[in-house]
Amino acid sequence: MENISEQLKNIVEETSLILNRISLDDWNYHSAPNKWSKKEILGHLIDSAANNHQRIVRAQYEENPSITYDQNNWVSIQDFKNASTENLINLWVSYNKHLAHIISKIPKDKYNNSCDIKEVEPVTLEWIITDYIRHLKHHLNQIIGGD
């Protein structure tokens, strides 16, 4: 997990510089009426960090905790489109630095602990962390690449 922790730190360091150069117009642009803006995608990544924080911590001491969320409701209710972009970037950076720290401290004997995230079957803590990085990269590409 140390490698994944370092990978997450590097992603945050490199990406935060790019995020701070995106214009307000670009942050708020919607490519289609039913698509999230870049700002809403960043808000979703904060939600993902919050939920995965719970999963990473609780799966280490609870037996198969159930931690799910409705991403569309979370984004809508929090009204990210009207939130401060600077605050969202800072929160995203800080949260992910903290997750990198937590990930680096996971004992190897906890990697196979399970968590119910409403997939077909419960998933392992190792899967959650690996998937978190994959999910993060996917959405960062949407923000930076403009998808």
N, C-alpha and C. Protein backbone atom coordinates (compact mmCIF):
# COMPACT_ATOMS: atom_id res chain seq x y z
N MET A 1 0.83 -1.20 0.00
CA MET A 1 0.00 0.00 0.00
C MET A 1 0.87 1.26 0.00
N GLU A 2 2.11 1.13 0.41
CA GLU A 2 3.00 2.28 0.43
C GLU A 2 3.14 2.87 -0.98
N ASN A 3 3.22 2.00 -1.98
CA ASN A 3 3.32 2.46 -3.36
C ASN A 3 2.07 3.23 -3.77
N ILE A 4 0.91 2.73 -3.39
CA ILE A 4 -0.34 3.42 -3.73
C ILE A 4 -0.43 4.75 -2.99
N SER A 5 0.02 4.78 -1.77
CA SER A 5 0.04 6.02 -1.00
C SER A 5 0.91 7.06 -1.70
N GLU A 6 2.09 6.66 -2.15
CA GLU A 6 2.98 7.58 -2.87
C GLU A 6 2.36 8.01 -4.19
N GLN A 7 1.72 7.09 -4.87
CA GLN A 7 1.05 7.42 -6.13
C GLN A 7 -0.02 8.47 -5.90
N LEU A 8 -0.81 8.31 -4.84
CA LEU A 8 -1.86 9.28 -4.53
C LEU A 8 -1.25 10.64 -4.21
N LYS A 9 -0.19 10.68 -3.42
CA LYS A 9 0.48 11.96 -3.11
C LYS A 9 0.94 12.65 -4.39
N ASN A 10 1.54 11.88 -5.30
CA ASN A 10 2.03 12.45 -6.55
C ASN A 10 0.89 12.99 -7.41
N ILE A 11 -0.19 12.25 -7.48
CA ILE A 11 -1.36 12.72 -8.25
C ILE A 11 -1.85 14.05 -7.69
N VAL A 12 -1.95 14.14 -6.38
CA VAL A 12 -2.46 15.35 -5.74
C VAL A 12 -1.52 16.52 -6.00
N GLU A 13 -0.23 16.32 -5.81
CA GLU A 13 0.74 17.40 -6.01
C GLU A 13 0.71 17.91 -7.45
N GLU A 14 0.74 17.00 -8.42
CA GLU A 14 0.76 17.40 -9.82
C GLU A 14 -0.56 18.03 -10.25
N THR A 15 -1.65 17.46 -9.82
CA THR A 15 -2.96 17.91 -10.27
C THR A 15 -3.36 19.23 -9.63
N SER A 16 -2.98 19.46 -8.38
CA SER A 16 -3.40 20.69 -7.71
C SER A 16 -2.89 21.92 -8.45
N LEU A 17 -1.71 21.84 -9.02
CA LEU A 17 -1.17 22.96 -9.79
C LEU A 17 -2.03 23.24 -11.02
N ILE A 18 -2.48 22.20 -11.66
CA ILE A 18 -3.31 22.34 -12.86
C ILE A 18 -4.70 22.86 -12.48
N LEU A 19 -5.27 22.33 -11.41
CA LEU A 19 -6.61 22.75 -10.99
C LEU A 19 -6.66 24.24 -10.70
N ASN A 20 -5.60 24.76 -10.12
CA ASN A 20 -5.57 26.18 -9.77
C ASN A 20 -5.43 27.09 -10.97
N ARG A 21 -5.15 26.53 -12.14
CA ARG A 21 -5.03 27.35 -13.36
C ARG A 21 -6.29 27.32 -14.23
N ILE A 22 -7.30 26.54 -13.84
CA ILE A 22 -8.53 26.45 -14.62
C ILE A 22 -9.37 27.70 -14.36
N SER A 23 -9.90 28.27 -15.41
CA SER A 23 -10.70 29.50 -15.27
C SER A 23 -12.06 29.19 -14.64
N LEU A 24 -12.65 30.21 -14.04
CA LEU A 24 -13.97 30.06 -13.42
C LEU A 24 -15.01 29.63 -14.45
N ASP A 25 -14.93 30.18 -15.66
CA ASP A 25 -15.86 29.79 -16.72
C ASP A 25 -15.73 28.30 -17.04
N ASP A 26 -14.50 27.82 -17.09
CA ASP A 26 -14.29 26.39 -17.36
C ASP A 26 -14.80 25.52 -16.21
N TRP A 27 -14.61 25.97 -14.98
CA TRP A 27 -15.11 25.21 -13.84
C TRP A 27 -16.63 25.05 -13.89
N ASN A 28 -17.31 26.06 -14.37
CA ASN A 28 -18.78 26.08 -14.34
C ASN A 28 -19.44 25.58 -15.61
N TYR A 29 -18.67 25.31 -16.65
CA TYR A 29 -19.23 24.90 -17.94
C TYR A 29 -19.85 23.51 -17.87
N HIS A 30 -21.05 23.38 -18.44
CA HIS A 30 -21.74 22.09 -18.59
C HIS A 30 -21.74 21.71 -20.06
N SER A 31 -21.17 20.55 -20.39
CA SER A 31 -21.13 20.11 -21.79
C SER A 31 -22.50 19.64 -22.27
N ALA A 32 -23.38 19.31 -21.33
CA ALA A 32 -24.76 18.91 -21.65
C ALA A 32 -25.60 19.16 -20.40
N PRO A 33 -26.91 19.33 -20.56
CA PRO A 33 -27.76 19.63 -19.40
C PRO A 33 -27.69 18.60 -18.27
N ASN A 34 -27.49 17.35 -18.60
CA ASN A 34 -27.48 16.30 -17.58
C ASN A 34 -26.08 15.89 -17.15
N LYS A 35 -25.07 16.66 -17.57
CA LYS A 35 -23.68 16.36 -17.21
C LYS A 35 -23.22 17.30 -16.11
N TRP A 36 -22.36 16.80 -15.24
CA TRP A 36 -21.78 17.64 -14.20
C TRP A 36 -20.75 18.59 -14.79
N SER A 37 -20.64 19.77 -14.20
CA SER A 37 -19.56 20.70 -14.54
C SER A 37 -18.27 20.17 -13.91
N LYS A 38 -17.15 20.77 -14.28
CA LYS A 38 -15.88 20.38 -13.67
C LYS A 38 -15.93 20.59 -12.16
N LYS A 39 -16.57 21.65 -11.73
CA LYS A 39 -16.67 21.93 -10.31
C LYS A 39 -17.49 20.84 -9.60
N GLU A 40 -18.57 20.41 -10.24
CA GLU A 40 -19.38 19.34 -9.66
C GLU A 40 -18.63 18.00 -9.65
N ILE A 41 -17.80 17.77 -10.67
CA ILE A 41 -16.98 16.56 -10.69
C ILE A 41 -15.98 16.60 -9.53
N LEU A 42 -15.38 17.77 -9.30
CA LEU A 42 -14.46 17.89 -8.17
C LEU A 42 -15.20 17.66 -6.86
N GLY A 43 -16.41 18.19 -6.74
CA GLY A 43 -17.22 17.93 -5.56
C GLY A 43 -17.48 16.44 -5.39
N HIS A 44 -17.78 15.77 -6.49
CA HIS A 44 -17.99 14.32 -6.45
C HIS A 44 -16.72 13.61 -5.96
N LEU A 45 -15.56 14.09 -6.37
CA LEU A 45 -14.31 13.48 -5.91
C LEU A 45 -14.11 13.69 -4.41
N ILE A 46 -14.58 14.81 -3.90
CA ILE A 46 -14.53 15.03 -2.45
C ILE A 46 -15.46 14.04 -1.75
N ASP A 47 -16.66 13.85 -2.31
CA ASP A 47 -17.59 12.87 -1.75
C ASP A 47 -16.99 11.47 -1.78
N SER A 48 -16.33 11.14 -2.88
CA SER A 48 -15.68 9.84 -3.01
C SER A 48 -14.61 9.69 -1.94
N ALA A 49 -13.83 10.74 -1.72
CA ALA A 49 -12.81 10.70 -0.68
C ALA A 49 -13.45 10.48 0.69
N ALA A 50 -14.55 11.18 0.95
CA ALA A 50 -15.22 11.06 2.25
C ALA A 50 -15.75 9.65 2.48
N ASN A 51 -16.37 9.08 1.47
CA ASN A 51 -16.93 7.73 1.62
C ASN A 51 -15.82 6.68 1.68
N ASN A 52 -14.79 6.86 0.88
CA ASN A 52 -13.69 5.90 0.92
C ASN A 52 -12.87 6.04 2.20
N HIS A 53 -12.82 7.22 2.76
CA HIS A 53 -12.21 7.41 4.07
C HIS A 53 -12.89 6.50 5.08
N GLN A 54 -14.22 6.53 5.10
CA GLN A 54 -14.99 5.66 5.99
C GLN A 54 -14.68 4.19 5.71
N ARG A 55 -14.66 3.83 4.45
CA ARG A 55 -14.41 2.44 4.09
C ARG A 55 -13.03 1.98 4.54
N ILE A 56 -12.02 2.81 4.26
CA ILE A 56 -10.64 2.44 4.57
C ILE A 56 -10.43 2.30 6.08
N VAL A 57 -11.01 3.19 6.84
CA VAL A 57 -10.84 3.13 8.30
C VAL A 57 -11.70 2.02 8.89
N ARG A 58 -12.97 2.01 8.57
CA ARG A 58 -13.88 1.07 9.23
C ARG A 58 -13.64 -0.38 8.83
N ALA A 59 -13.22 -0.62 7.59
CA ALA A 59 -12.95 -2.00 7.17
C ALA A 59 -11.78 -2.61 7.93
N GLN A 60 -11.00 -1.77 8.58
CA GLN A 60 -9.87 -2.29 9.36
C GLN A 60 -10.29 -2.81 10.73
N TYR A 61 -11.46 -2.37 11.23
CA TYR A 61 -11.86 -2.82 12.56
C TYR A 61 -13.29 -3.34 12.65
N GLU A 62 -14.11 -3.14 11.62
CA GLU A 62 -15.47 -3.68 11.61
C GLU A 62 -15.52 -4.85 10.63
N GLU A 63 -16.40 -5.77 10.91
CA GLU A 63 -16.57 -6.88 9.99
C GLU A 63 -17.55 -6.49 8.89
N ASN A 64 -17.03 -6.36 7.68
CA ASN A 64 -17.82 -6.08 6.48
C ASN A 64 -18.80 -4.89 6.65
N PRO A 65 -18.29 -3.70 6.96
CA PRO A 65 -19.20 -2.56 7.08
C PRO A 65 -19.87 -2.26 5.74
N SER A 66 -21.08 -1.74 5.78
CA SER A 66 -21.81 -1.36 4.57
C SER A 66 -21.76 0.15 4.44
N ILE A 67 -21.05 0.63 3.41
CA ILE A 67 -20.86 2.07 3.22
C ILE A 67 -21.11 2.40 1.76
N THR A 68 -22.27 2.98 1.52
CA THR A 68 -22.67 3.34 0.15
C THR A 68 -23.16 4.79 0.14
N TYR A 69 -23.31 5.33 -1.06
CA TYR A 69 -23.89 6.66 -1.18
C TYR A 69 -24.46 6.85 -2.56
N ASP A 70 -25.40 7.76 -2.67
CA ASP A 70 -26.04 8.10 -3.93
C ASP A 70 -25.35 9.34 -4.48
N GLN A 71 -24.43 9.14 -5.40
CA GLN A 71 -23.57 10.22 -5.87
C GLN A 71 -24.34 11.41 -6.44
N ASN A 72 -25.40 11.18 -7.16
CA ASN A 72 -26.16 12.29 -7.75
C ASN A 72 -26.84 13.14 -6.68
N ASN A 73 -27.42 12.50 -5.68
CA ASN A 73 -28.03 13.26 -4.59
C ASN A 73 -26.98 14.03 -3.79
N TRP A 74 -25.84 13.41 -3.56
CA TRP A 74 -24.79 14.10 -2.81
C TRP A 74 -24.36 15.37 -3.55
N VAL A 75 -24.14 15.27 -4.85
CA VAL A 75 -23.70 16.44 -5.63
C VAL A 75 -24.80 17.50 -5.64
N SER A 76 -26.03 17.10 -5.84
CA SER A 76 -27.15 18.04 -5.90
C SER A 76 -27.36 18.76 -4.57
N ILE A 77 -27.42 18.01 -3.49
CA ILE A 77 -27.70 18.57 -2.18
C ILE A 77 -26.61 19.55 -1.73
N GLN A 78 -25.37 19.25 -2.07
CA GLN A 78 -24.27 20.12 -1.63
C GLN A 78 -24.08 21.36 -2.49
N ASP A 79 -24.79 21.41 -3.63
CA ASP A 79 -24.77 22.60 -4.49
C ASP A 79 -23.35 23.05 -4.81
N PHE A 80 -22.53 22.11 -5.27
CA PHE A 80 -21.14 22.42 -5.58
C PHE A 80 -21.00 23.53 -6.62
N LYS A 81 -21.96 23.64 -7.52
CA LYS A 81 -21.84 24.65 -8.58
C LYS A 81 -21.80 26.07 -8.01
N ASN A 82 -22.31 26.27 -6.80
CA ASN A 82 -22.28 27.59 -6.17
C ASN A 82 -21.29 27.69 -5.02
N ALA A 83 -20.46 26.68 -4.86
CA ALA A 83 -19.45 26.69 -3.80
C ALA A 83 -18.18 27.38 -4.31
N SER A 84 -17.36 27.81 -3.39
CA SER A 84 -16.08 28.42 -3.74
C SER A 84 -15.16 27.38 -4.38
N THR A 85 -14.69 27.67 -5.58
CA THR A 85 -13.79 26.76 -6.28
C THR A 85 -12.49 26.60 -5.49
N GLU A 86 -11.99 27.68 -4.96
CA GLU A 86 -10.75 27.63 -4.17
C GLU A 86 -10.91 26.71 -2.96
N ASN A 87 -12.03 26.83 -2.27
CA ASN A 87 -12.27 25.97 -1.11
C ASN A 87 -12.38 24.51 -1.51
N LEU A 88 -13.05 24.24 -2.63
CA LEU A 88 -13.19 22.85 -3.09
C LEU A 88 -11.83 22.25 -3.44
N ILE A 89 -11.00 23.03 -4.14
CA ILE A 89 -9.66 22.53 -4.49
C ILE A 89 -8.87 22.24 -3.22
N ASN A 90 -8.88 23.18 -2.28
CA ASN A 90 -8.13 23.00 -1.04
C ASN A 90 -8.62 21.79 -0.25
N LEU A 91 -9.94 21.61 -0.20
CA LEU A 91 -10.50 20.46 0.51
C LEU A 91 -10.10 19.16 -0.17
N TRP A 92 -10.19 19.12 -1.49
CA TRP A 92 -9.81 17.92 -2.24
C TRP A 92 -8.34 17.57 -2.00
N VAL A 93 -7.48 18.58 -2.06
CA VAL A 93 -6.05 18.35 -1.84
C VAL A 93 -5.80 17.83 -0.43
N SER A 94 -6.35 18.51 0.56
CA SER A 94 -6.12 18.11 1.96
C SER A 94 -6.68 16.72 2.26
N TYR A 95 -7.88 16.45 1.75
CA TYR A 95 -8.49 15.15 2.02
C TYR A 95 -7.66 14.02 1.44
N ASN A 96 -7.17 14.22 0.23
CA ASN A 96 -6.40 13.15 -0.41
C ASN A 96 -5.02 12.98 0.19
N LYS A 97 -4.42 14.06 0.68
CA LYS A 97 -3.15 13.92 1.40
C LYS A 97 -3.38 13.10 2.67
N HIS A 98 -4.49 13.35 3.34
CA HIS A 98 -4.81 12.58 4.54
C HIS A 98 -5.07 11.11 4.18
N LEU A 99 -5.80 10.86 3.10
CA LEU A 99 -6.03 9.47 2.68
C LEU A 99 -4.71 8.77 2.36
N ALA A 100 -3.79 9.48 1.72
CA ALA A 100 -2.47 8.89 1.42
C ALA A 100 -1.78 8.48 2.72
N HIS A 101 -1.88 9.32 3.72
CA HIS A 101 -1.28 9.00 5.03
C HIS A 101 -1.93 7.74 5.62
N ILE A 102 -3.25 7.70 5.61
CA ILE A 102 -3.98 6.55 6.17
C ILE A 102 -3.63 5.27 5.43
N ILE A 103 -3.61 5.36 4.11
CA ILE A 103 -3.30 4.18 3.28
C ILE A 103 -1.91 3.65 3.61
N SER A 104 -0.96 4.55 3.83
CA SER A 104 0.41 4.12 4.12
C SER A 104 0.53 3.39 5.46
N LYS A 105 -0.46 3.52 6.32
CA LYS A 105 -0.42 2.93 7.66
C LYS A 105 -1.21 1.63 7.78
N ILE A 106 -1.84 1.17 6.72
CA ILE A 106 -2.66 -0.04 6.80
C ILE A 106 -1.77 -1.28 6.96
N PRO A 107 -1.99 -2.05 8.01
CA PRO A 107 -1.22 -3.30 8.18
C PRO A 107 -1.58 -4.30 7.07
N LYS A 108 -0.59 -5.02 6.62
CA LYS A 108 -0.80 -5.99 5.53
C LYS A 108 -1.89 -7.01 5.84
N ASP A 109 -2.04 -7.35 7.11
CA ASP A 109 -3.04 -8.36 7.45
C ASP A 109 -4.47 -7.83 7.33
N LYS A 110 -4.64 -6.55 7.01
CA LYS A 110 -5.98 -5.97 6.83
C LYS A 110 -6.39 -5.85 5.36
N TYR A 111 -5.47 -6.08 4.44
CA TYR A 111 -5.74 -5.88 3.00
C TYR A 111 -6.95 -6.68 2.50
N ASN A 112 -7.17 -7.85 3.05
CA ASN A 112 -8.26 -8.70 2.59
C ASN A 112 -9.55 -8.54 3.39
N ASN A 113 -9.57 -7.61 4.33
CA ASN A 113 -10.82 -7.32 5.04
C ASN A 113 -11.85 -6.83 4.04
N SER A 114 -13.11 -7.12 4.30
CA SER A 114 -14.13 -6.78 3.32
C SER A 114 -15.00 -5.61 3.73
N CYS A 115 -15.65 -5.05 2.72
CA CYS A 115 -16.56 -3.93 2.91
C CYS A 115 -17.66 -4.07 1.86
N ASP A 116 -18.89 -3.83 2.28
CA ASP A 116 -20.03 -3.90 1.37
C ASP A 116 -20.28 -2.51 0.80
N ILE A 117 -20.02 -2.36 -0.51
CA ILE A 117 -20.26 -1.08 -1.17
C ILE A 117 -21.39 -1.22 -2.20
N LYS A 118 -22.18 -2.28 -2.04
CA LYS A 118 -23.33 -2.60 -2.90
C LYS A 118 -22.92 -3.02 -4.31
N GLU A 119 -21.73 -3.62 -4.41
CA GLU A 119 -21.37 -4.35 -5.62
C GLU A 119 -22.07 -5.70 -5.50
N VAL A 120 -21.83 -6.61 -6.42
CA VAL A 120 -22.45 -7.93 -6.35
C VAL A 120 -22.05 -8.62 -5.06
N GLU A 121 -20.78 -8.55 -4.72
CA GLU A 121 -20.25 -9.16 -3.51
C GLU A 121 -19.46 -8.08 -2.75
N PRO A 122 -19.27 -8.26 -1.46
CA PRO A 122 -18.38 -7.34 -0.76
C PRO A 122 -16.98 -7.36 -1.39
N VAL A 123 -16.28 -6.27 -1.27
CA VAL A 123 -14.95 -6.13 -1.87
C VAL A 123 -13.90 -6.01 -0.77
N THR A 124 -12.65 -6.27 -1.11
CA THR A 124 -11.58 -6.18 -0.13
C THR A 124 -11.11 -4.74 0.02
N LEU A 125 -10.46 -4.48 1.13
CA LEU A 125 -9.88 -3.17 1.38
C LEU A 125 -8.86 -2.84 0.29
N GLU A 126 -8.07 -3.79 -0.11
CA GLU A 126 -7.10 -3.57 -1.18
C GLU A 126 -7.82 -3.17 -2.48
N TRP A 127 -8.93 -3.83 -2.80
CA TRP A 127 -9.70 -3.49 -3.99
C TRP A 127 -10.24 -2.06 -3.89
N ILE A 128 -10.75 -1.69 -2.72
CA ILE A 128 -11.31 -0.35 -2.52
C ILE A 128 -10.25 0.71 -2.82
N ILE A 129 -9.07 0.51 -2.31
CA ILE A 129 -8.02 1.51 -2.49
C ILE A 129 -7.55 1.57 -3.94
N THR A 130 -7.38 0.43 -4.56
CA THR A 130 -6.98 0.39 -5.97
C THR A 130 -8.06 1.02 -6.84
N ASP A 131 -9.31 0.72 -6.55
CA ASP A 131 -10.41 1.29 -7.32
C ASP A 131 -10.54 2.80 -7.08
N TYR A 132 -10.24 3.24 -5.87
CA TYR A 132 -10.29 4.67 -5.57
C TYR A 132 -9.32 5.43 -6.47
N ILE A 133 -8.12 4.91 -6.65
CA ILE A 133 -7.12 5.56 -7.51
C ILE A 133 -7.60 5.55 -8.96
N ARG A 134 -8.15 4.43 -9.42
CA ARG A 134 -8.67 4.34 -10.79
C ARG A 134 -9.78 5.36 -11.00
N HIS A 135 -10.71 5.42 -10.07
CA HIS A 135 -11.85 6.34 -10.13
C HIS A 135 -11.37 7.79 -10.11
N LEU A 136 -10.42 8.09 -9.26
CA LEU A 136 -9.86 9.43 -9.16
C LEU A 136 -9.24 9.86 -10.48
N LYS A 137 -8.42 9.00 -11.07
CA LYS A 137 -7.77 9.31 -12.35
C LYS A 137 -8.81 9.54 -13.45
N HIS A 138 -9.84 8.71 -13.46
CA HIS A 138 -10.90 8.85 -14.47
C HIS A 138 -11.52 10.23 -14.41
N HIS A 139 -11.92 10.66 -13.21
CA HIS A 139 -12.59 11.95 -13.08
C HIS A 139 -11.64 13.12 -13.22
N LEU A 140 -10.41 12.98 -12.79
CA LEU A 140 -9.44 14.06 -13.01
C LEU A 140 -9.20 14.26 -14.50
N ASN A 141 -9.22 13.18 -15.25
CA ASN A 141 -9.09 13.29 -16.70
C ASN A 141 -10.28 14.06 -17.28
N GLN A 142 -11.46 13.86 -16.74
CA GLN A 142 -12.62 14.63 -17.20
C GLN A 142 -12.44 16.12 -16.92
N ILE A 143 -11.86 16.45 -15.79
CA ILE A 143 -11.67 17.85 -15.43
C ILE A 143 -10.54 18.46 -16.27
N ILE A 144 -9.43 17.80 -16.32
CA ILE A 144 -8.25 18.35 -16.98
C ILE A 144 -8.29 18.15 -18.49
N GLY A 145 -8.80 16.98 -18.89
CA GLY A 145 -8.86 16.67 -20.31
C GLY A 145 -10.09 17.24 -20.99
N GLY A 146 -11.06 17.69 -20.20
CA GLY A 146 -12.23 18.32 -20.76
C GLY A 146 -13.32 17.40 -21.25
N ASP A 147 -13.24 16.11 -20.89
CA ASP A 147 -14.28 15.15 -21.33
C ASP A 147 -15.62 15.48 -20.75
